[in-house]
N, C-alpha and C. Protein backbone atom coordinates (compact mmCIF):
# COMPACT_ATOMS: atom_id res chain seq x y z
N UNK A 1 -66.60 -32.84 64.78
CA UNK A 1 -65.91 -33.47 63.69
C UNK A 1 -65.32 -32.39 62.81
N UNK A 2 -64.08 -32.57 62.36
CA UNK A 2 -63.44 -31.56 61.53
C UNK A 2 -63.96 -31.64 60.10
N UNK A 3 -63.82 -30.56 59.37
CA UNK A 3 -64.31 -30.55 57.99
C UNK A 3 -63.48 -31.47 57.10
N UNK A 4 -62.27 -31.84 57.52
CA UNK A 4 -61.42 -32.73 56.73
C UNK A 4 -61.87 -34.18 56.78
N UNK A 5 -62.55 -34.59 57.82
CA UNK A 5 -62.95 -35.98 57.97
C UNK A 5 -63.91 -36.44 56.88
N UNK A 6 -64.98 -35.70 56.59
CA UNK A 6 -65.87 -36.18 55.52
C UNK A 6 -65.17 -36.26 54.17
N UNK A 7 -64.31 -35.29 53.88
CA UNK A 7 -63.60 -35.36 52.61
C UNK A 7 -62.71 -36.59 52.57
N UNK A 8 -62.07 -36.91 53.66
CA UNK A 8 -61.21 -38.09 53.69
C UNK A 8 -62.05 -39.35 53.49
N UNK A 9 -63.19 -39.41 54.13
CA UNK A 9 -64.09 -40.55 53.95
C UNK A 9 -64.57 -40.61 52.50
N UNK A 10 -64.90 -39.46 51.91
CA UNK A 10 -65.31 -39.43 50.51
C UNK A 10 -64.18 -39.88 49.61
N UNK A 11 -62.98 -39.45 49.90
CA UNK A 11 -61.83 -39.84 49.09
C UNK A 11 -61.61 -41.35 49.14
N UNK A 12 -61.75 -41.92 50.33
CA UNK A 12 -61.61 -43.37 50.47
C UNK A 12 -62.71 -44.11 49.72
N UNK A 13 -63.93 -43.59 49.83
CA UNK A 13 -65.06 -44.20 49.12
C UNK A 13 -64.84 -44.12 47.62
N UNK A 14 -64.41 -42.97 47.14
CA UNK A 14 -64.18 -42.79 45.71
C UNK A 14 -63.07 -43.71 45.21
N UNK A 15 -62.04 -43.85 46.04
CA UNK A 15 -60.93 -44.75 45.67
C UNK A 15 -61.45 -46.18 45.53
N UNK A 16 -62.24 -46.61 46.49
CA UNK A 16 -62.78 -47.98 46.46
C UNK A 16 -63.70 -48.17 45.26
N UNK A 17 -64.57 -47.19 44.99
CA UNK A 17 -65.49 -47.29 43.85
C UNK A 17 -64.72 -47.39 42.53
N UNK A 18 -63.71 -46.53 42.36
CA UNK A 18 -62.93 -46.54 41.13
C UNK A 18 -62.14 -47.84 40.99
N UNK A 19 -61.56 -48.30 42.08
CA UNK A 19 -60.78 -49.53 42.06
C UNK A 19 -61.67 -50.74 41.76
N UNK A 20 -62.84 -50.80 42.39
CA UNK A 20 -63.78 -51.89 42.12
C UNK A 20 -64.22 -51.88 40.66
N UNK A 21 -64.49 -50.69 40.13
CA UNK A 21 -64.92 -50.57 38.74
C UNK A 21 -63.81 -51.03 37.80
N UNK A 22 -62.60 -50.58 38.03
CA UNK A 22 -61.47 -50.98 37.18
C UNK A 22 -61.25 -52.48 37.25
N UNK A 23 -61.33 -53.05 38.43
CA UNK A 23 -61.14 -54.49 38.60
C UNK A 23 -62.21 -55.27 37.84
N UNK A 24 -63.45 -54.83 37.93
CA UNK A 24 -64.53 -55.49 37.20
C UNK A 24 -64.32 -55.39 35.69
N UNK A 25 -63.89 -54.24 35.22
CA UNK A 25 -63.70 -54.04 33.79
C UNK A 25 -62.54 -54.87 33.24
N UNK A 26 -61.58 -55.19 34.07
CA UNK A 26 -60.46 -56.03 33.62
C UNK A 26 -60.93 -57.41 33.16
N UNK A 27 -62.04 -57.86 33.66
CA UNK A 27 -62.56 -59.18 33.31
C UNK A 27 -63.60 -59.13 32.19
N UNK A 28 -63.86 -57.96 31.64
CA UNK A 28 -64.87 -57.82 30.59
C UNK A 28 -64.19 -57.65 29.24
N UNK A 29 -64.20 -58.70 28.42
CA UNK A 29 -63.56 -58.61 27.10
C UNK A 29 -64.15 -57.47 26.26
N UNK A 30 -63.28 -56.76 25.61
CA UNK A 30 -63.70 -55.72 24.69
C UNK A 30 -64.05 -54.39 25.31
N UNK A 31 -64.03 -54.30 26.62
CA UNK A 31 -64.36 -53.04 27.27
C UNK A 31 -63.11 -52.19 27.36
N UNK A 32 -63.17 -50.95 26.86
CA UNK A 32 -61.98 -50.09 26.93
C UNK A 32 -61.66 -49.71 28.37
N UNK A 33 -60.40 -49.78 28.70
CA UNK A 33 -59.95 -49.43 30.05
C UNK A 33 -59.51 -47.97 30.06
N UNK A 34 -60.47 -47.09 29.88
CA UNK A 34 -60.18 -45.66 29.91
C UNK A 34 -60.65 -45.09 31.24
N UNK A 35 -60.12 -43.94 31.58
CA UNK A 35 -60.56 -43.27 32.81
C UNK A 35 -62.05 -42.99 32.73
N UNK A 36 -62.52 -42.60 31.56
CA UNK A 36 -63.94 -42.28 31.40
C UNK A 36 -64.82 -43.51 31.63
N UNK A 37 -64.43 -44.65 31.06
CA UNK A 37 -65.20 -45.88 31.24
C UNK A 37 -65.21 -46.32 32.69
N UNK A 38 -64.06 -46.24 33.31
CA UNK A 38 -63.95 -46.63 34.72
C UNK A 38 -64.78 -45.68 35.59
N UNK A 39 -64.67 -44.40 35.32
CA UNK A 39 -65.43 -43.41 36.10
C UNK A 39 -66.93 -43.63 35.95
N UNK A 40 -67.37 -43.88 34.74
CA UNK A 40 -68.80 -44.12 34.50
C UNK A 40 -69.27 -45.34 35.28
N UNK A 41 -68.50 -46.43 35.22
CA UNK A 41 -68.86 -47.66 35.94
C UNK A 41 -68.91 -47.39 37.44
N UNK A 42 -68.00 -46.55 37.93
CA UNK A 42 -67.93 -46.25 39.37
C UNK A 42 -68.96 -45.22 39.82
N UNK A 43 -69.59 -44.55 38.86
CA UNK A 43 -70.54 -43.50 39.22
C UNK A 43 -69.83 -42.23 39.67
N UNK A 44 -68.63 -42.03 39.12
CA UNK A 44 -67.82 -40.87 39.50
C UNK A 44 -67.48 -40.06 38.25
N UNK A 45 -67.01 -38.87 38.45
CA UNK A 45 -66.50 -38.09 37.33
C UNK A 45 -65.08 -38.49 37.02
N UNK A 46 -64.69 -38.32 35.76
CA UNK A 46 -63.33 -38.67 35.35
C UNK A 46 -62.29 -37.88 36.14
N UNK A 47 -62.57 -36.62 36.39
CA UNK A 47 -61.62 -35.79 37.15
C UNK A 47 -61.44 -36.33 38.57
N UNK A 48 -62.52 -36.83 39.16
CA UNK A 48 -62.43 -37.41 40.51
C UNK A 48 -61.53 -38.64 40.49
N UNK A 49 -61.68 -39.48 39.47
CA UNK A 49 -60.85 -40.68 39.37
C UNK A 49 -59.38 -40.30 39.21
N UNK A 50 -59.11 -39.34 38.33
CA UNK A 50 -57.72 -38.91 38.13
C UNK A 50 -57.16 -38.32 39.42
N UNK A 51 -57.94 -37.48 40.08
CA UNK A 51 -57.48 -36.86 41.33
C UNK A 51 -57.23 -37.93 42.39
N UNK A 52 -58.07 -38.94 42.43
CA UNK A 52 -57.96 -39.97 43.45
C UNK A 52 -56.71 -40.83 43.26
N UNK A 53 -56.39 -41.15 42.00
CA UNK A 53 -55.27 -42.06 41.73
C UNK A 53 -54.06 -41.38 41.11
N UNK A 54 -54.25 -40.20 40.58
CA UNK A 54 -53.15 -39.53 39.90
C UNK A 54 -53.07 -39.89 38.43
N UNK A 55 -53.94 -40.76 37.96
CA UNK A 55 -53.97 -41.10 36.54
C UNK A 55 -54.33 -42.55 36.30
N UNK A 56 -54.51 -42.86 35.03
CA UNK A 56 -54.92 -44.19 34.60
C UNK A 56 -53.90 -45.26 34.98
N UNK A 57 -52.61 -44.97 34.78
CA UNK A 57 -51.59 -45.97 35.08
C UNK A 57 -51.66 -46.43 36.53
N UNK A 58 -51.74 -45.48 37.45
CA UNK A 58 -51.77 -45.82 38.88
C UNK A 58 -53.04 -46.58 39.24
N UNK A 59 -54.16 -46.20 38.64
CA UNK A 59 -55.42 -46.89 38.91
C UNK A 59 -55.36 -48.34 38.42
N UNK A 60 -54.92 -48.53 37.19
CA UNK A 60 -54.86 -49.90 36.65
C UNK A 60 -53.77 -50.72 37.34
N UNK A 61 -52.70 -50.08 37.76
CA UNK A 61 -51.68 -50.79 38.53
C UNK A 61 -52.27 -51.31 39.84
N UNK A 62 -53.04 -50.47 40.51
CA UNK A 62 -53.68 -50.90 41.76
C UNK A 62 -54.67 -52.04 41.51
N UNK A 63 -55.44 -51.95 40.42
CA UNK A 63 -56.43 -52.98 40.13
C UNK A 63 -55.77 -54.31 39.76
N UNK A 64 -54.80 -54.26 38.85
CA UNK A 64 -54.15 -55.49 38.41
C UNK A 64 -53.34 -56.11 39.55
N UNK A 65 -52.61 -55.30 40.29
CA UNK A 65 -51.82 -55.86 41.39
C UNK A 65 -52.74 -56.43 42.47
N UNK A 66 -53.92 -55.83 42.64
CA UNK A 66 -54.89 -56.39 43.58
C UNK A 66 -55.39 -57.76 43.16
N UNK A 67 -55.48 -57.98 41.86
CA UNK A 67 -55.87 -59.30 41.35
C UNK A 67 -54.71 -60.29 41.41
N UNK A 68 -53.51 -59.80 41.14
CA UNK A 68 -52.36 -60.68 41.03
C UNK A 68 -51.77 -61.10 42.38
N UNK A 69 -51.86 -60.26 43.38
CA UNK A 69 -51.26 -60.56 44.68
C UNK A 69 -51.77 -61.89 45.27
N UNK A 70 -53.09 -62.17 45.24
CA UNK A 70 -53.54 -63.46 45.78
C UNK A 70 -53.04 -64.66 44.96
N UNK A 71 -52.81 -64.48 43.67
CA UNK A 71 -52.29 -65.55 42.84
C UNK A 71 -50.86 -65.89 43.27
N UNK A 72 -50.07 -64.86 43.48
CA UNK A 72 -48.68 -65.06 43.94
C UNK A 72 -48.69 -65.72 45.32
N UNK A 73 -49.57 -65.26 46.20
CA UNK A 73 -49.64 -65.86 47.54
C UNK A 73 -50.08 -67.31 47.47
N UNK A 74 -51.01 -67.62 46.58
CA UNK A 74 -51.46 -69.00 46.41
C UNK A 74 -50.30 -69.88 45.96
N UNK A 75 -49.49 -69.39 45.06
CA UNK A 75 -48.32 -70.17 44.61
C UNK A 75 -47.38 -70.43 45.78
N UNK A 76 -47.14 -69.41 46.58
CA UNK A 76 -46.27 -69.57 47.75
C UNK A 76 -46.85 -70.60 48.72
N UNK A 77 -48.16 -70.49 48.96
CA UNK A 77 -48.82 -71.42 49.89
C UNK A 77 -48.73 -72.85 49.38
N UNK A 78 -49.00 -73.06 48.10
CA UNK A 78 -48.92 -74.41 47.54
C UNK A 78 -47.51 -74.96 47.66
N UNK A 79 -46.52 -74.13 47.39
CA UNK A 79 -45.14 -74.58 47.48
C UNK A 79 -44.78 -74.97 48.91
N UNK A 80 -45.30 -74.24 49.87
CA UNK A 80 -44.99 -74.51 51.28
C UNK A 80 -45.75 -75.71 51.83
N UNK A 81 -46.95 -75.97 51.29
CA UNK A 81 -47.84 -76.95 51.92
C UNK A 81 -48.05 -78.23 51.12
N UNK A 82 -47.55 -78.30 49.90
CA UNK A 82 -47.87 -79.40 49.00
C UNK A 82 -46.59 -79.95 48.39
N UNK A 83 -46.58 -81.22 48.05
CA UNK A 83 -45.43 -81.80 47.36
C UNK A 83 -45.18 -80.99 46.08
N UNK A 84 -43.91 -80.74 45.75
CA UNK A 84 -43.60 -79.84 44.64
C UNK A 84 -44.26 -80.18 43.30
N UNK A 85 -44.24 -81.44 42.91
CA UNK A 85 -44.87 -81.82 41.64
C UNK A 85 -46.36 -81.57 41.65
N UNK A 86 -47.00 -81.89 42.76
CA UNK A 86 -48.44 -81.65 42.90
C UNK A 86 -48.72 -80.15 42.97
N UNK A 87 -47.88 -79.40 43.64
CA UNK A 87 -48.05 -77.94 43.71
C UNK A 87 -47.99 -77.34 42.32
N UNK A 88 -47.04 -77.80 41.51
CA UNK A 88 -46.90 -77.30 40.15
C UNK A 88 -48.15 -77.61 39.33
N UNK A 89 -48.64 -78.81 39.41
CA UNK A 89 -49.85 -79.21 38.67
C UNK A 89 -51.05 -78.37 39.11
N UNK A 90 -51.29 -78.28 40.41
CA UNK A 90 -52.43 -77.51 40.91
C UNK A 90 -52.33 -76.04 40.53
N UNK A 91 -51.12 -75.49 40.70
CA UNK A 91 -50.97 -74.08 40.43
C UNK A 91 -51.15 -73.76 38.95
N UNK A 92 -50.64 -74.60 38.08
CA UNK A 92 -50.80 -74.34 36.65
C UNK A 92 -52.28 -74.31 36.25
N UNK A 93 -53.06 -75.20 36.80
CA UNK A 93 -54.51 -75.17 36.51
C UNK A 93 -55.12 -73.84 36.97
N UNK A 94 -54.76 -73.42 38.16
CA UNK A 94 -55.31 -72.17 38.69
C UNK A 94 -54.79 -70.96 37.92
N UNK A 95 -53.53 -70.99 37.53
CA UNK A 95 -52.95 -69.89 36.77
C UNK A 95 -53.63 -69.73 35.42
N UNK A 96 -53.87 -70.84 34.75
CA UNK A 96 -54.56 -70.77 33.46
C UNK A 96 -55.97 -70.22 33.65
N UNK A 97 -56.65 -70.63 34.71
CA UNK A 97 -57.98 -70.10 34.99
C UNK A 97 -57.95 -68.60 35.21
N UNK A 98 -56.97 -68.14 35.96
CA UNK A 98 -56.82 -66.70 36.22
C UNK A 98 -56.53 -65.97 34.92
N UNK A 99 -55.59 -66.49 34.14
CA UNK A 99 -55.23 -65.84 32.88
C UNK A 99 -56.41 -65.83 31.91
N UNK A 100 -57.19 -66.89 31.88
CA UNK A 100 -58.35 -66.94 31.00
C UNK A 100 -59.36 -65.86 31.36
N UNK A 101 -59.54 -65.65 32.64
CA UNK A 101 -60.52 -64.66 33.11
C UNK A 101 -60.09 -63.23 32.81
N UNK A 102 -58.80 -63.00 32.66
CA UNK A 102 -58.31 -61.63 32.52
C UNK A 102 -57.47 -61.38 31.28
N UNK A 103 -57.41 -62.33 30.36
CA UNK A 103 -56.52 -62.19 29.21
C UNK A 103 -56.86 -61.01 28.32
N UNK A 104 -58.13 -60.68 28.20
CA UNK A 104 -58.53 -59.64 27.25
C UNK A 104 -57.97 -58.27 27.60
N UNK A 105 -57.69 -58.03 28.85
CA UNK A 105 -57.18 -56.72 29.27
C UNK A 105 -55.70 -56.54 28.93
N UNK A 106 -55.00 -57.63 28.72
CA UNK A 106 -53.56 -57.56 28.51
C UNK A 106 -53.14 -56.60 27.42
N UNK A 107 -53.84 -56.58 26.32
CA UNK A 107 -53.48 -55.70 25.22
C UNK A 107 -53.61 -54.22 25.54
N UNK A 108 -54.44 -53.90 26.52
CA UNK A 108 -54.63 -52.50 26.89
C UNK A 108 -53.66 -52.04 27.97
N UNK A 109 -52.90 -52.96 28.52
CA UNK A 109 -52.01 -52.61 29.63
C UNK A 109 -50.58 -52.34 29.18
N UNK A 110 -50.26 -52.70 27.94
CA UNK A 110 -48.92 -52.48 27.43
C UNK A 110 -48.56 -51.00 27.44
N UNK A 111 -47.34 -50.72 27.82
CA UNK A 111 -46.86 -49.36 27.80
C UNK A 111 -47.24 -48.53 29.01
N UNK A 112 -48.04 -49.08 29.91
CA UNK A 112 -48.42 -48.34 31.11
C UNK A 112 -47.33 -48.49 32.17
N UNK A 113 -47.19 -47.50 33.00
CA UNK A 113 -46.25 -47.55 34.12
C UNK A 113 -46.96 -48.21 35.29
N UNK A 114 -46.64 -49.49 35.53
CA UNK A 114 -47.34 -50.28 36.55
C UNK A 114 -46.31 -50.97 37.45
N UNK A 115 -45.65 -50.23 38.33
CA UNK A 115 -44.57 -50.81 39.13
C UNK A 115 -45.01 -51.93 40.07
N UNK A 116 -46.16 -51.81 40.70
CA UNK A 116 -46.61 -52.86 41.62
C UNK A 116 -46.90 -54.14 40.85
N UNK A 117 -47.54 -54.01 39.70
CA UNK A 117 -47.84 -55.18 38.86
C UNK A 117 -46.56 -55.81 38.35
N UNK A 118 -45.62 -55.00 37.90
CA UNK A 118 -44.34 -55.51 37.41
C UNK A 118 -43.62 -56.28 38.51
N UNK A 119 -43.62 -55.75 39.71
CA UNK A 119 -42.98 -56.43 40.84
C UNK A 119 -43.66 -57.76 41.13
N UNK A 120 -44.99 -57.79 41.09
CA UNK A 120 -45.71 -59.04 41.36
C UNK A 120 -45.48 -60.07 40.25
N UNK A 121 -45.39 -59.62 39.01
CA UNK A 121 -45.08 -60.55 37.92
C UNK A 121 -43.70 -61.18 38.15
N UNK A 122 -42.76 -60.37 38.62
CA UNK A 122 -41.44 -60.91 38.95
C UNK A 122 -41.52 -61.90 40.09
N UNK A 123 -42.31 -61.59 41.10
CA UNK A 123 -42.51 -62.51 42.23
C UNK A 123 -43.14 -63.82 41.75
N UNK A 124 -44.10 -63.72 40.84
CA UNK A 124 -44.76 -64.91 40.32
C UNK A 124 -43.76 -65.78 39.56
N UNK A 125 -42.94 -65.16 38.73
CA UNK A 125 -41.91 -65.92 37.99
C UNK A 125 -40.95 -66.60 38.96
N UNK A 126 -40.55 -65.88 40.02
CA UNK A 126 -39.61 -66.46 40.99
C UNK A 126 -40.23 -67.65 41.74
N UNK A 127 -41.47 -67.52 42.17
CA UNK A 127 -42.07 -68.62 42.92
C UNK A 127 -42.34 -69.81 42.00
N UNK A 128 -42.68 -69.56 40.74
CA UNK A 128 -42.85 -70.65 39.79
C UNK A 128 -41.51 -71.35 39.55
N UNK A 129 -40.45 -70.58 39.46
CA UNK A 129 -39.12 -71.16 39.31
C UNK A 129 -38.75 -71.97 40.56
N UNK A 130 -39.12 -71.47 41.74
CA UNK A 130 -38.88 -72.22 42.97
C UNK A 130 -39.64 -73.55 42.96
N UNK A 131 -40.86 -73.53 42.42
CA UNK A 131 -41.64 -74.77 42.30
C UNK A 131 -40.91 -75.77 41.41
N UNK A 132 -40.42 -75.28 40.27
CA UNK A 132 -39.70 -76.15 39.34
C UNK A 132 -38.44 -76.71 40.01
N UNK A 133 -37.69 -75.85 40.68
CA UNK A 133 -36.46 -76.31 41.37
C UNK A 133 -36.79 -77.35 42.45
N UNK A 134 -37.84 -77.11 43.21
CA UNK A 134 -38.23 -78.06 44.26
C UNK A 134 -38.67 -79.39 43.63
N UNK A 135 -39.40 -79.30 42.53
CA UNK A 135 -39.84 -80.52 41.84
C UNK A 135 -38.64 -81.26 41.24
N UNK A 136 -37.63 -80.51 40.81
CA UNK A 136 -36.42 -81.17 40.33
C UNK A 136 -35.72 -81.90 41.48
N UNK A 137 -35.65 -81.27 42.63
CA UNK A 137 -35.00 -81.89 43.79
C UNK A 137 -35.73 -83.15 44.24
N UNK A 138 -37.07 -83.14 44.14
CA UNK A 138 -37.79 -84.34 44.59
C UNK A 138 -37.99 -85.36 43.48
N UNK A 139 -37.42 -85.09 42.30
CA UNK A 139 -37.44 -86.08 41.22
C UNK A 139 -38.68 -86.08 40.35
N UNK A 140 -39.57 -85.10 40.50
CA UNK A 140 -40.78 -85.10 39.67
C UNK A 140 -40.64 -84.24 38.42
N UNK A 141 -39.57 -83.44 38.32
CA UNK A 141 -39.28 -82.66 37.12
C UNK A 141 -37.85 -82.95 36.72
N UNK A 142 -37.65 -83.13 35.43
CA UNK A 142 -36.32 -83.46 34.89
C UNK A 142 -35.30 -82.39 35.25
N UNK A 143 -34.09 -82.81 35.45
CA UNK A 143 -33.03 -81.89 35.87
C UNK A 143 -32.19 -81.38 34.71
N UNK A 144 -32.42 -81.88 33.49
CA UNK A 144 -31.63 -81.41 32.35
C UNK A 144 -32.18 -80.10 31.77
N UNK A 145 -33.26 -79.58 32.34
CA UNK A 145 -33.80 -78.28 31.94
C UNK A 145 -33.43 -77.24 32.98
N UNK A 146 -32.92 -76.12 32.53
CA UNK A 146 -32.66 -75.02 33.44
C UNK A 146 -34.00 -74.56 34.01
N UNK A 147 -34.09 -74.35 35.32
CA UNK A 147 -35.38 -73.92 35.91
C UNK A 147 -35.94 -72.65 35.28
N UNK A 148 -35.07 -71.71 34.90
CA UNK A 148 -35.56 -70.47 34.28
C UNK A 148 -36.17 -70.76 32.91
N UNK A 149 -35.57 -71.68 32.16
CA UNK A 149 -36.11 -72.05 30.85
C UNK A 149 -37.45 -72.77 31.03
N UNK A 150 -37.50 -73.71 31.96
CA UNK A 150 -38.76 -74.42 32.22
C UNK A 150 -39.85 -73.46 32.66
N UNK A 151 -39.50 -72.50 33.50
CA UNK A 151 -40.46 -71.51 33.98
C UNK A 151 -40.98 -70.66 32.83
N UNK A 152 -40.09 -70.23 31.95
CA UNK A 152 -40.50 -69.43 30.79
C UNK A 152 -41.40 -70.24 29.88
N UNK A 153 -41.04 -71.49 29.64
CA UNK A 153 -41.85 -72.37 28.80
C UNK A 153 -43.25 -72.54 29.40
N UNK A 154 -43.31 -72.80 30.69
CA UNK A 154 -44.58 -72.97 31.38
C UNK A 154 -45.42 -71.70 31.27
N UNK A 155 -44.82 -70.57 31.60
CA UNK A 155 -45.57 -69.31 31.62
C UNK A 155 -46.10 -68.92 30.26
N UNK A 156 -45.26 -69.00 29.24
CA UNK A 156 -45.67 -68.57 27.91
C UNK A 156 -46.72 -69.50 27.31
N UNK A 157 -46.53 -70.80 27.51
CA UNK A 157 -47.50 -71.75 26.97
C UNK A 157 -48.82 -71.65 27.73
N UNK A 158 -48.76 -71.49 29.03
CA UNK A 158 -49.99 -71.35 29.81
C UNK A 158 -50.77 -70.11 29.37
N UNK A 159 -50.06 -69.03 29.10
CA UNK A 159 -50.72 -67.82 28.64
C UNK A 159 -51.38 -68.03 27.28
N UNK A 160 -50.70 -68.74 26.38
CA UNK A 160 -51.28 -69.02 25.07
C UNK A 160 -52.55 -69.86 25.20
N UNK A 161 -52.52 -70.86 26.06
CA UNK A 161 -53.70 -71.70 26.27
C UNK A 161 -54.83 -70.87 26.89
N UNK A 162 -54.48 -70.01 27.82
CA UNK A 162 -55.48 -69.19 28.50
C UNK A 162 -56.17 -68.22 27.55
N UNK A 163 -55.51 -67.84 26.48
CA UNK A 163 -56.08 -66.87 25.54
C UNK A 163 -57.10 -67.49 24.59
N UNK A 164 -57.18 -68.80 24.56
CA UNK A 164 -58.16 -69.44 23.69
C UNK A 164 -59.55 -69.10 24.19
N UNK A 165 -60.36 -68.58 23.29
CA UNK A 165 -61.73 -68.20 23.65
C UNK A 165 -62.71 -68.89 22.72
N UNK A 166 -63.76 -69.45 23.21
CA UNK A 166 -64.08 -69.53 24.63
C UNK A 166 -63.15 -70.52 25.32
N UNK A 167 -63.00 -70.38 26.64
CA UNK A 167 -62.11 -71.28 27.39
C UNK A 167 -62.51 -72.74 27.15
N UNK A 168 -61.50 -73.59 27.08
CA UNK A 168 -61.74 -75.00 26.82
C UNK A 168 -61.07 -75.85 27.89
N UNK A 169 -61.87 -76.50 28.68
CA UNK A 169 -61.34 -77.39 29.73
C UNK A 169 -60.53 -78.52 29.10
N UNK A 170 -61.01 -79.00 27.95
CA UNK A 170 -60.33 -80.09 27.24
C UNK A 170 -58.92 -79.65 26.81
N UNK A 171 -58.81 -78.43 26.29
CA UNK A 171 -57.51 -77.92 25.88
C UNK A 171 -56.58 -77.74 27.08
N UNK A 172 -57.10 -77.23 28.16
CA UNK A 172 -56.29 -77.05 29.38
C UNK A 172 -55.79 -78.40 29.87
N UNK A 173 -56.68 -79.38 29.92
CA UNK A 173 -56.26 -80.71 30.38
C UNK A 173 -55.20 -81.31 29.46
N UNK A 174 -55.38 -81.16 28.13
CA UNK A 174 -54.40 -81.68 27.18
C UNK A 174 -53.06 -80.97 27.34
N UNK A 175 -53.11 -79.65 27.48
CA UNK A 175 -51.88 -78.88 27.67
C UNK A 175 -51.14 -79.35 28.91
N UNK A 176 -51.86 -79.44 30.01
CA UNK A 176 -51.21 -79.83 31.26
C UNK A 176 -50.66 -81.25 31.18
N UNK A 177 -51.38 -82.13 30.55
CA UNK A 177 -50.93 -83.51 30.40
C UNK A 177 -49.62 -83.57 29.60
N UNK A 178 -49.60 -82.89 28.45
CA UNK A 178 -48.41 -82.91 27.61
C UNK A 178 -47.25 -82.19 28.30
N UNK A 179 -47.51 -81.02 28.85
CA UNK A 179 -46.45 -80.26 29.51
C UNK A 179 -45.87 -81.02 30.70
N UNK A 180 -46.72 -81.49 31.57
CA UNK A 180 -46.23 -82.16 32.77
C UNK A 180 -45.52 -83.47 32.43
N UNK A 181 -46.00 -84.19 31.42
CA UNK A 181 -45.27 -85.40 30.99
C UNK A 181 -43.90 -85.03 30.44
N UNK A 182 -43.85 -83.93 29.68
CA UNK A 182 -42.58 -83.49 29.11
C UNK A 182 -41.60 -83.01 30.17
N UNK A 183 -42.11 -82.53 31.29
CA UNK A 183 -41.24 -82.06 32.37
C UNK A 183 -40.74 -83.21 33.25
N UNK A 184 -41.42 -84.35 33.18
CA UNK A 184 -41.02 -85.47 34.04
C UNK A 184 -39.67 -86.05 33.57
N UNK A 185 -38.92 -86.59 34.50
CA UNK A 185 -37.64 -87.20 34.12
C UNK A 185 -37.88 -88.36 33.16
N UNK A 186 -36.97 -88.55 32.19
CA UNK A 186 -37.12 -89.67 31.27
C UNK A 186 -37.10 -91.00 32.04
N UNK A 187 -37.89 -91.93 31.55
CA UNK A 187 -37.98 -93.24 32.22
C UNK A 187 -36.71 -94.04 32.00
C-alpha cells in the first residue's frame, strides 16, 4: 500500500466528520457556525477543517446544499407524480417543516460565498414556479397571478411562518388554508 492511501482515507474521513458536524449544527438554534465550533464537534482541529474544505464558506456551502438537494428533488418528484394542486399543498407543508428545522442558521449564512446553495435555491424557486404553472393549467390555481409573483409570495410567507418558534402546527395549517384558498380561482 502506498503512503498516499492512508492520508487520502484520512482526508475523506475528516471531510465526512466536518460535514456531518456542520450539518448537525445547522439545526441547533443559537450555535455559532464557526470553523472552531464545527471542528470541535467533529473532533478535529480547526486547521484540519480549513485544509479539508478550503474555508468556512465552502464547508457551509457543502452542508447546506447537502440538506437542500433532497428538498429540491422532492419537489421535482411531487410535480412529476402528483396532481399539481396536491403537489403544491404537500410540498408547502414539507418546505415549512424543513425551514422550521433550519431557520436559525439563516442569519449566520448571509454574506458567505455559497455557489452550490445559491444554485439549489434557484432550482427550488424554478420547480415551485413550475408547480404553480402546472396548477394554473389544471385549474387549481388562479391564472390572474403571475407564477413568479405567486412563487415569491409562497416562499416569503412560508419562510415567515417557519421562523415562528416554537413551531406551531396550528399556524402552519392556518397559513396553508388561507394561502391555498387565496390561490384558488374565484368561484
